[in-house]
PDB file of all heavy atoms in Angstrom:
ATOM      1  N   ASP A   1       0.841  -1.193   0.000  1.00  0.00           N
ATOM      2  CA  ASP A   1       0.000   0.000   0.000  1.00  0.00           C
ATOM      3  C   ASP A   1       0.876   1.243   0.000  1.00  0.00           C
ATOM      4  O   ASP A   1       1.584   1.519   0.970  1.00  0.00           O
ATOM      5  CB  ASP A   1      -0.907  -0.006   1.233  1.00  0.00           C
ATOM      6  CG  ASP A   1      -1.952   1.103   1.208  1.00  0.00           C
ATOM      7  OD1 ASP A   1      -1.827   2.021   0.368  1.00  0.00           O
ATOM      8  OD2 ASP A   1      -2.891   1.053   2.034  1.00  0.00           O
ATOM      9  N   ALA A   2       0.841   1.980  -1.104  1.00  0.00           N
ATOM     10  CA  ALA A   2       1.615   3.218  -1.214  1.00  0.00           C
ATOM     11  C   ALA A   2       0.713   4.362  -1.664  1.00  0.00           C
ATOM     12  O   ALA A   2       1.158   5.298  -2.337  1.00  0.00           O
ATOM     13  CB  ALA A   2       2.784   3.038  -2.177  1.00  0.00           C
ATOM     14  N   ARG A   3      -0.545   4.299  -1.283  1.00  0.00           N
ATOM     15  CA  ARG A   3      -1.484   5.359  -1.666  1.00  0.00           C
ATOM     16  C   ARG A   3      -1.023   6.708  -1.132  1.00  0.00           C
ATOM     17  O   ARG A   3      -0.762   6.867   0.058  1.00  0.00           O
ATOM     18  CB  ARG A   3      -2.886   5.028  -1.158  1.00  0.00           C
ATOM     19  CG  ARG A   3      -3.597   3.967  -1.966  1.00  0.00           C
ATOM     20  CD  ARG A   3      -4.936   3.594  -1.383  1.00  0.00           C
ATOM     21  NE  ARG A   3      -4.773   2.734  -0.207  1.00  0.00           N
ATOM     22  CZ  ARG A   3      -5.793   2.199   0.463  1.00  0.00           C
ATOM     23  NH1 ARG A   3      -7.033   2.463   0.092  1.00  0.00           N
ATOM     24  NH2 ARG A   3      -5.561   1.426   1.512  1.00  0.00           N
ATOM     25  N   GLY A   4      -0.905   7.671  -2.041  1.00  0.00           N
ATOM     26  CA  GLY A   4      -0.522   9.018  -1.646  1.00  0.00           C
ATOM     27  C   GLY A   4       0.930   9.165  -1.238  1.00  0.00           C
ATOM     28  O   GLY A   4       1.338  10.237  -0.783  1.00  0.00           O
ATOM     29  N   ALA A   5       1.727   8.112  -1.396  1.00  0.00           N
ATOM     30  CA  ALA A   5       3.144   8.195  -1.019  1.00  0.00           C
ATOM     31  C   ALA A   5       3.906   9.102  -1.975  1.00  0.00           C
ATOM     32  O   ALA A   5       3.538   9.258  -3.143  1.00  0.00           O
ATOM     33  CB  ALA A   5       3.776   6.808  -1.014  1.00  0.00           C
ATOM     34  N   ILE A   6       4.966   9.709  -1.479  1.00  0.00           N
ATOM     35  CA  ILE A   6       5.801  10.598  -2.290  1.00  0.00           C
ATOM     36  C   ILE A   6       7.117   9.882  -2.590  1.00  0.00           C
ATOM     37  O   ILE A   6       7.923   9.636  -1.685  1.00  0.00           O
ATOM     38  CB  ILE A   6       6.078  11.925  -1.569  1.00  0.00           C
ATOM     39  CG1 ILE A   6       4.757  12.615  -1.210  1.00  0.00           C
ATOM     40  CG2 ILE A   6       6.933  12.842  -2.433  1.00  0.00           C
ATOM     41  CD1 ILE A   6       4.924  13.806  -0.272  1.00  0.00           C
ATOM     42  N   LEU A   7       7.319   9.540  -3.862  1.00  0.00           N
ATOM     43  CA  LEU A   7       8.531   8.855  -4.292  1.00  0.00           C
ATOM     44  C   LEU A   7       9.223   9.644  -5.400  1.00  0.00           C
ATOM     45  O   LEU A   7       9.896   9.089  -6.264  1.00  0.00           O
ATOM     46  CB  LEU A   7       8.198   7.440  -4.769  1.00  0.00           C
ATOM     47  CG  LEU A   7       7.702   6.502  -3.656  1.00  0.00           C
ATOM     48  CD1 LEU A   7       6.289   6.031  -3.947  1.00  0.00           C
ATOM     49  CD2 LEU A   7       8.621   5.314  -3.497  1.00  0.00           C
ATOM     50  N   ALA A   8       9.072  10.960  -5.350  1.00  0.00           N
ATOM     51  CA  ALA A   8       9.662  11.826  -6.376  1.00  0.00           C
ATOM     52  C   ALA A   8      11.176  11.647  -6.414  1.00  0.00           C
ATOM     53  O   ALA A   8      11.853  11.754  -5.390  1.00  0.00           O
ATOM     54  CB  ALA A   8       9.312  13.285  -6.086  1.00  0.00           C
ATOM     55  N   GLY A   9      11.697  11.355  -7.600  1.00  0.00           N
ATOM     56  CA  GLY A   9      13.143  11.209  -7.757  1.00  0.00           C
ATOM     57  C   GLY A   9      13.726   9.962  -7.133  1.00  0.00           C
ATOM     58  O   GLY A   9      14.948   9.800  -7.091  1.00  0.00           O
ATOM     59  N   ALA A  10      12.884   9.056  -6.646  1.00  0.00           N
ATOM     60  CA  ALA A  10      13.384   7.836  -6.010  1.00  0.00           C
ATOM     61  C   ALA A  10      13.928   6.871  -7.057  1.00  0.00           C
ATOM     62  O   ALA A  10      13.497   6.869  -8.212  1.00  0.00           O
ATOM     63  CB  ALA A  10      12.277   7.166  -5.205  1.00  0.00           C
ATOM     64  N   ASN A  11      14.875   6.052  -6.636  1.00  0.00           N
ATOM     65  CA  ASN A  11      15.430   5.021  -7.514  1.00  0.00           C
ATOM     66  C   ASN A  11      14.728   3.701  -7.224  1.00  0.00           C
ATOM     67  O   ASN A  11      14.945   3.083  -6.183  1.00  0.00           O
ATOM     68  CB  ASN A  11      16.938   4.870  -7.293  1.00  0.00           C
ATOM     69  CG  ASN A  11      17.535   3.754  -8.150  1.00  0.00           C
ATOM     70  OD1 ASN A  11      16.941   3.340  -9.143  1.00  0.00           O
ATOM     71  ND2 ASN A  11      18.696   3.270  -7.777  1.00  0.00           N
ATOM     72  N   LEU A  12      13.876   3.272  -8.157  1.00  0.00           N
ATOM     73  CA  LEU A  12      13.139   2.020  -8.022  1.00  0.00           C
ATOM     74  C   LEU A  12      13.514   1.055  -9.145  1.00  0.00           C
ATOM     75  O   LEU A  12      12.728   0.196  -9.530  1.00  0.00           O
ATOM     76  CB  LEU A  12      11.635   2.296  -8.031  1.00  0.00           C
ATOM     77  CG  LEU A  12      11.092   2.999  -6.774  1.00  0.00           C
ATOM     78  CD1 LEU A  12       9.982   3.974  -7.126  1.00  0.00           C
ATOM     79  CD2 LEU A  12      10.596   1.988  -5.761  1.00  0.00           C
ATOM     80  N   GLU A  13      14.718   1.212  -9.655  1.00  0.00           N
ATOM     81  CA  GLU A  13      15.163   0.359 -10.752  1.00  0.00           C
ATOM     82  C   GLU A  13      15.108  -1.115 -10.339  1.00  0.00           C
ATOM     83  O   GLU A  13      15.564  -1.495  -9.269  1.00  0.00           O
ATOM     84  CB  GLU A  13      16.584   0.723 -11.175  1.00  0.00           C
ATOM     85  CG  GLU A  13      17.084  -0.067 -12.376  1.00  0.00           C
ATOM     86  CD  GLU A  13      18.434   0.411 -12.876  1.00  0.00           C
ATOM     87  OE1 GLU A  13      18.948   1.420 -12.355  1.00  0.00           O
ATOM     88  OE2 GLU A  13      18.970  -0.230 -13.795  1.00  0.00           O
ATOM     89  N   ARG A  14      14.482  -1.918 -11.200  1.00  0.00           N
ATOM     90  CA  ARG A  14      14.362  -3.369 -11.009  1.00  0.00           C
ATOM     91  C   ARG A  14      13.632  -3.745  -9.727  1.00  0.00           C
ATOM     92  O   ARG A  14      13.770  -4.851  -9.221  1.00  0.00           O
ATOM     93  CB  ARG A  14      15.747  -4.031 -11.064  1.00  0.00           C
ATOM     94  CG  ARG A  14      16.356  -3.970 -12.447  1.00  0.00           C
ATOM     95  CD  ARG A  14      17.819  -4.381 -12.490  1.00  0.00           C
ATOM     96  NE  ARG A  14      18.035  -5.716 -11.938  1.00  0.00           N
ATOM     97  CZ  ARG A  14      19.232  -6.286 -11.823  1.00  0.00           C
ATOM     98  NH1 ARG A  14      20.311  -5.617 -12.186  1.00  0.00           N
ATOM     99  NH2 ARG A  14      19.356  -7.498 -11.333  1.00  0.00           N
ATOM    100  N   SER A  15      12.860  -2.811  -9.198  1.00  0.00           N
ATOM    101  CA  SER A  15      12.069  -3.125  -8.003  1.00  0.00           C
ATOM    102  C   SER A  15      10.832  -3.925  -8.402  1.00  0.00           C
ATOM    103  O   SER A  15      10.400  -3.924  -9.555  1.00  0.00           O
ATOM    104  CB  SER A  15      11.662  -1.845  -7.273  1.00  0.00           C
ATOM    105  OG  SER A  15      10.906  -1.019  -8.124  1.00  0.00           O
ATOM    106  N   ARG A  16      10.249  -4.605  -7.423  1.00  0.00           N
ATOM    107  CA  ARG A  16       9.083  -5.453  -7.672  1.00  0.00           C
ATOM    108  C   ARG A  16       7.865  -4.825  -6.997  1.00  0.00           C
ATOM    109  O   ARG A  16       7.774  -4.818  -5.767  1.00  0.00           O
ATOM    110  CB  ARG A  16       9.350  -6.862  -7.158  1.00  0.00           C
ATOM    111  CG  ARG A  16      10.379  -7.612  -7.999  1.00  0.00           C
ATOM    112  CD  ARG A  16      10.816  -8.915  -7.369  1.00  0.00           C
ATOM    113  NE  ARG A  16      11.758  -8.692  -6.279  1.00  0.00           N
ATOM    114  CZ  ARG A  16      12.325  -9.677  -5.581  1.00  0.00           C
ATOM    115  NH1 ARG A  16      12.023 -10.928  -5.839  1.00  0.00           N
ATOM    116  NH2 ARG A  16      13.177  -9.403  -4.614  1.00  0.00           N
ATOM    117  N   LEU A  17       6.962  -4.313  -7.821  1.00  0.00           N
ATOM    118  CA  LEU A  17       5.787  -3.617  -7.311  1.00  0.00           C
ATOM    119  C   LEU A  17       4.496  -4.215  -7.855  1.00  0.00           C
ATOM    120  O   LEU A  17       3.446  -3.563  -7.829  1.00  0.00           O
ATOM    121  CB  LEU A  17       5.856  -2.126  -7.665  1.00  0.00           C
ATOM    122  CG  LEU A  17       7.042  -1.337  -7.120  1.00  0.00           C
ATOM    123  CD1 LEU A  17       8.029  -1.029  -8.237  1.00  0.00           C
ATOM    124  CD2 LEU A  17       6.585  -0.037  -6.493  1.00  0.00           C
ATOM    125  N   SER A  18       4.548  -5.426  -8.358  1.00  0.00           N
ATOM    126  CA  SER A  18       3.349  -6.048  -8.921  1.00  0.00           C
ATOM    127  C   SER A  18       2.245  -6.126  -7.871  1.00  0.00           C
ATOM    128  O   SER A  18       2.470  -6.523  -6.729  1.00  0.00           O
ATOM    129  CB  SER A  18       3.681  -7.444  -9.443  1.00  0.00           C
ATOM    130  OG  SER A  18       4.569  -7.363 -10.542  1.00  0.00           O
ATOM    131  N   GLY A  19       1.057  -5.700  -8.284  1.00  0.00           N
ATOM    132  CA  GLY A  19      -0.100  -5.734  -7.400  1.00  0.00           C
ATOM    133  C   GLY A  19      -0.170  -4.622  -6.382  1.00  0.00           C
ATOM    134  O   GLY A  19      -1.120  -4.548  -5.601  1.00  0.00           O
ATOM    135  N   ILE A  20       0.802  -3.724  -6.365  1.00  0.00           N
ATOM    136  CA  ILE A  20       0.805  -2.644  -5.384  1.00  0.00           C
ATOM    137  C   ILE A  20      -0.377  -1.705  -5.596  1.00  0.00           C
ATOM    138  O   ILE A  20      -0.844  -1.497  -6.727  1.00  0.00           O
ATOM    139  CB  ILE A  20       2.133  -1.852  -5.437  1.00  0.00           C
ATOM    140  CG1 ILE A  20       2.301  -0.968  -4.195  1.00  0.00           C
ATOM    141  CG2 ILE A  20       2.207  -1.016  -6.709  1.00  0.00           C
ATOM    142  CD1 ILE A  20       3.679  -0.347  -4.064  1.00  0.00           C
ATOM    143  N   VAL A  21      -0.891  -1.161  -4.516  1.00  0.00           N
ATOM    144  CA  VAL A  21      -1.941  -0.142  -4.576  1.00  0.00           C
ATOM    145  C   VAL A  21      -1.263   1.197  -4.305  1.00  0.00           C
ATOM    146  O   VAL A  21      -0.786   1.448  -3.200  1.00  0.00           O
ATOM    147  CB  VAL A  21      -3.045  -0.405  -3.534  1.00  0.00           C
ATOM    148  CG1 VAL A  21      -4.090   0.701  -3.574  1.00  0.00           C
ATOM    149  CG2 VAL A  21      -3.700  -1.760  -3.777  1.00  0.00           C
ATOM    150  N   ALA A  22      -1.185   2.033  -5.321  1.00  0.00           N
ATOM    151  CA  ALA A  22      -0.447   3.298  -5.189  1.00  0.00           C
ATOM    152  C   ALA A  22      -1.236   4.453  -5.790  1.00  0.00           C
ATOM    153  O   ALA A  22      -0.667   5.344  -6.417  1.00  0.00           O
ATOM    154  CB  ALA A  22       0.926   3.177  -5.846  1.00  0.00           C
ATOM    155  N   GLN A  23      -2.527   4.469  -5.588  1.00  0.00           N
ATOM    156  CA  GLN A  23      -3.359   5.541  -6.116  1.00  0.00           C
ATOM    157  C   GLN A  23      -2.869   6.910  -5.636  1.00  0.00           C
ATOM    158  O   GLN A  23      -2.542   7.091  -4.462  1.00  0.00           O
ATOM    159  CB  GLN A  23      -4.811   5.350  -5.684  1.00  0.00           C
ATOM    160  CG  GLN A  23      -5.496   4.154  -6.326  1.00  0.00           C
ATOM    161  CD  GLN A  23      -6.827   3.874  -5.673  1.00  0.00           C
ATOM    162  OE1 GLN A  23      -6.894   3.187  -4.661  1.00  0.00           O
ATOM    163  NE2 GLN A  23      -7.886   4.400  -6.242  1.00  0.00           N
ATOM    164  N   LYS A  24      -2.787   7.836  -6.576  1.00  0.00           N
ATOM    165  CA  LYS A  24      -2.416   9.226  -6.305  1.00  0.00           C
ATOM    166  C   LYS A  24      -1.009   9.369  -5.710  1.00  0.00           C
ATOM    167  O   LYS A  24      -0.675  10.414  -5.137  1.00  0.00           O
ATOM    168  CB  LYS A  24      -3.450   9.906  -5.395  1.00  0.00           C
ATOM    169  CG  LYS A  24      -4.837  10.006  -6.024  1.00  0.00           C
ATOM    170  CD  LYS A  24      -5.801  10.777  -5.139  1.00  0.00           C
ATOM    171  CE  LYS A  24      -7.170  10.903  -5.813  1.00  0.00           C
ATOM    172  NZ  LYS A  24      -8.124  11.648  -4.977  1.00  0.00           N
ATOM    173  N   ALA A  25      -0.181   8.354  -5.849  1.00  0.00           N
ATOM    174  CA  ALA A  25       1.209   8.458  -5.378  1.00  0.00           C
ATOM    175  C   ALA A  25       2.002   9.335  -6.343  1.00  0.00           C
ATOM    176  O   ALA A  25       1.648   9.496  -7.513  1.00  0.00           O
ATOM    177  CB  ALA A  25       1.842   7.080  -5.273  1.00  0.00           C
ATOM    178  N   ASP A  26       3.092   9.894  -5.851  1.00  0.00           N
ATOM    179  CA  ASP A  26       3.935  10.783  -6.651  1.00  0.00           C
ATOM    180  C   ASP A  26       5.241  10.066  -7.010  1.00  0.00           C
ATOM    181  O   ASP A  26       6.121   9.901  -6.166  1.00  0.00           O
ATOM    182  CB  ASP A  26       4.227  12.069  -5.876  1.00  0.00           C
ATOM    183  CG  ASP A  26       5.047  13.076  -6.679  1.00  0.00           C
ATOM    184  OD1 ASP A  26       5.376  12.786  -7.852  1.00  0.00           O
ATOM    185  OD2 ASP A  26       5.358  14.151  -6.139  1.00  0.00           O
ATOM    186  N   PHE A  27       5.346   9.633  -8.272  1.00  0.00           N
ATOM    187  CA  PHE A  27       6.558   9.011  -8.791  1.00  0.00           C
ATOM    188  C   PHE A  27       7.254   9.945  -9.786  1.00  0.00           C
ATOM    189  O   PHE A  27       8.005   9.490 -10.638  1.00  0.00           O
ATOM    190  CB  PHE A  27       6.225   7.701  -9.512  1.00  0.00           C
ATOM    191  CG  PHE A  27       5.794   6.562  -8.627  1.00  0.00           C
ATOM    192  CD1 PHE A  27       4.450   6.346  -8.346  1.00  0.00           C
ATOM    193  CD2 PHE A  27       6.727   5.690  -8.091  1.00  0.00           C
ATOM    194  CE1 PHE A  27       4.042   5.286  -7.555  1.00  0.00           C
ATOM    195  CE2 PHE A  27       6.331   4.628  -7.288  1.00  0.00           C
ATOM    196  CZ  PHE A  27       4.981   4.420  -7.021  1.00  0.00           C
ATOM    197  N   SER A  28       7.011  11.227  -9.694  1.00  0.00           N
ATOM    198  CA  SER A  28       7.590  12.161 -10.661  1.00  0.00           C
ATOM    199  C   SER A  28       9.115  12.064 -10.653  1.00  0.00           C
ATOM    200  O   SER A  28       9.743  12.044  -9.595  1.00  0.00           O
ATOM    201  CB  SER A  28       7.150  13.598 -10.365  1.00  0.00           C
ATOM    202  OG  SER A  28       7.513  13.987  -9.052  1.00  0.00           O
ATOM    203  N   ASP A  29       9.684  11.960 -11.849  1.00  0.00           N
ATOM    204  CA  ASP A  29      11.147  11.893 -12.036  1.00  0.00           C
ATOM    205  C   ASP A  29      11.785  10.677 -11.368  1.00  0.00           C
ATOM    206  O   ASP A  29      13.016  10.621 -11.240  1.00  0.00           O
ATOM    207  CB  ASP A  29      11.826  13.175 -11.543  1.00  0.00           C
ATOM    208  CG  ASP A  29      11.317  14.410 -12.267  1.00  0.00           C
ATOM    209  OD1 ASP A  29      11.382  14.423 -13.501  1.00  0.00           O
ATOM    210  OD2 ASP A  29      10.828  15.336 -11.602  1.00  0.00           O
ATOM    211  N   ALA A  30      10.987   9.717 -10.948  1.00  0.00           N
ATOM    212  CA  ALA A  30      11.542   8.503 -10.350  1.00  0.00           C
ATOM    213  C   ALA A  30      12.134   7.606 -11.431  1.00  0.00           C
ATOM    214  O   ALA A  30      11.753   7.666 -12.602  1.00  0.00           O
ATOM    215  CB  ALA A  30      10.467   7.751  -9.577  1.00  0.00           C
ATOM    216  N   ILE A  31      13.078   6.768 -11.029  1.00  0.00           N
ATOM    217  CA  ILE A  31      13.688   5.801 -11.944  1.00  0.00           C
ATOM    218  C   ILE A  31      13.050   4.443 -11.675  1.00  0.00           C
ATOM    219  O   ILE A  31      13.208   3.867 -10.598  1.00  0.00           O
ATOM    220  CB  ILE A  31      15.208   5.729 -11.747  1.00  0.00           C
ATOM    221  CG1 ILE A  31      15.841   7.098 -12.013  1.00  0.00           C
ATOM    222  CG2 ILE A  31      15.829   4.674 -12.660  1.00  0.00           C
ATOM    223  CD1 ILE A  31      17.310   7.184 -11.637  1.00  0.00           C
ATOM    224  N   LEU A  32      12.307   3.948 -12.665  1.00  0.00           N
ATOM    225  CA  LEU A  32      11.619   2.666 -12.545  1.00  0.00           C
ATOM    226  C   LEU A  32      12.021   1.738 -13.688  1.00  0.00           C
ATOM    227  O   LEU A  32      11.242   0.909 -14.147  1.00  0.00           O
ATOM    228  CB  LEU A  32      10.102   2.876 -12.529  1.00  0.00           C
ATOM    229  CG  LEU A  32       9.551   3.558 -11.277  1.00  0.00           C
ATOM    230  CD1 LEU A  32       8.656   4.732 -11.634  1.00  0.00           C
ATOM    231  CD2 LEU A  32       8.783   2.571 -10.414  1.00  0.00           C
TER     232      LEU A  32
END
């Protein structure tokens, strides 16, 4: 559960997020 979480500019390269609930989360400029 990452609803509304702020991950701006975060490094999520090769991360596993299948099935995650992240409505309205901020992944702006993140590396995925």
